[in-house]
């Protein structure tokens, strides 16, 4: 199973990505081993995710997330139910 996800950085910005393991990926971000973007914006908090059957689907969703406006991302997060 693959996941598309969003984290909220300490500065309030949002970062989107994909992974096979959400907990490990968030831990990697918070240890400074994640994306270059998040390294200077620690800590990060997982605020949204969606699961997919394939890596390709998760990567496609990540690409679409990155195209959303901040307001659209916040609306998606606000409507997220665990």
Protein backbone atom coordinates (compact mmCIF):
# COMPACT_ATOMS: atom_id res chain seq x y z
CA UNK A 1 0.00 0.00 0.00
CA UNK A 2 1.23 3.49 -0.85
CA UNK A 3 0.18 6.81 0.62
CA UNK A 4 -0.03 10.42 -0.48
CA UNK A 5 0.29 12.72 2.52
CA UNK A 6 0.58 16.29 3.75
CA UNK A 7 2.51 17.57 6.74
CA UNK A 8 2.28 20.95 8.39
CA UNK A 9 5.70 22.44 9.08
CA UNK A 10 6.60 24.50 12.15
CA UNK A 11 6.34 27.70 10.08
CA UNK A 12 2.77 26.80 9.05
CA UNK A 13 3.63 25.82 5.51
CA UNK A 14 2.35 22.58 4.01
CA UNK A 15 4.44 19.89 2.32
CA UNK A 16 3.03 17.06 0.17
CA UNK A 17 4.69 13.76 -0.58
CA UNK A 18 4.17 10.03 -1.02
CA UNK A 19 5.49 7.00 0.85
CA UNK A 20 4.96 3.33 1.65
CA UNK A 21 5.28 3.92 5.43
CA UNK A 22 3.70 7.04 6.93
CA UNK A 23 5.20 6.73 10.42
CA UNK A 24 8.71 6.16 9.09
CA UNK A 25 8.41 9.03 6.62
CA UNK A 26 7.22 11.52 9.24
CA UNK A 27 10.02 10.35 11.54
CA UNK A 28 12.50 10.86 8.69
CA UNK A 29 11.21 14.40 8.12
CA UNK A 30 11.47 15.19 11.84
CA UNK A 31 15.00 13.79 12.10
CA UNK A 32 16.17 16.04 9.26
CA UNK A 33 16.51 13.11 6.85
CA UNK A 34 13.31 13.91 4.91
CA UNK A 35 12.83 16.35 2.09
CA UNK A 36 15.17 19.32 1.76
CA UNK A 37 12.15 21.63 2.07
CA UNK A 38 11.19 20.35 5.52
CA UNK A 39 14.72 20.27 7.02
CA UNK A 40 14.65 23.96 7.94
CA UNK A 41 11.00 23.89 9.01
CA UNK A 42 10.99 21.29 11.79
CA UNK A 43 9.10 19.79 13.42
CA UNK A 44 6.43 18.60 11.01
CA UNK A 45 3.02 17.16 11.87
CA UNK A 46 1.09 14.69 9.70
CA UNK A 47 -2.24 16.37 8.90
CA UNK A 48 -3.67 14.40 5.96
CA UNK A 49 -3.15 11.15 4.08
CA UNK A 50 -4.84 8.91 1.54
CA UNK A 51 -4.01 5.28 0.72
CA UNK A 52 -3.57 3.77 -2.74
CA UNK A 53 -2.97 0.34 -4.20
CA UNK A 54 0.05 1.38 -6.23
CA UNK A 55 3.01 3.74 -6.04
CA UNK A 56 1.93 5.32 -9.31
CA UNK A 57 -1.48 6.28 -7.91
CA UNK A 58 0.09 7.82 -4.82
CA UNK A 59 2.62 9.74 -6.92
CA UNK A 60 -0.16 11.03 -9.16
CA UNK A 61 -2.16 12.21 -6.14
CA UNK A 62 0.96 13.93 -4.74
CA UNK A 63 1.41 15.76 -8.05
CA UNK A 64 -2.22 16.90 -7.94
CA UNK A 65 -1.88 18.01 -4.30
CA UNK A 66 1.09 20.18 -5.20
CA UNK A 67 -1.07 21.96 -7.80
CA UNK A 68 -3.76 22.90 -5.25
CA UNK A 69 -3.90 26.37 -3.73
CA UNK A 70 -3.21 26.75 -0.03
CA UNK A 71 -6.93 27.36 0.58
CA UNK A 72 -7.80 24.12 -1.25
CA UNK A 73 -5.21 22.19 0.79
CA UNK A 74 -6.55 23.61 4.05
CA UNK A 75 -10.11 22.67 3.05
CA UNK A 76 -8.95 19.13 2.32
CA UNK A 77 -7.23 18.93 5.72
CA UNK A 78 -10.26 20.42 7.50
CA UNK A 79 -12.55 17.77 6.00
CA UNK A 80 -10.15 14.92 6.81
CA UNK A 81 -11.48 12.22 9.10
CA UNK A 82 -9.10 9.59 10.50
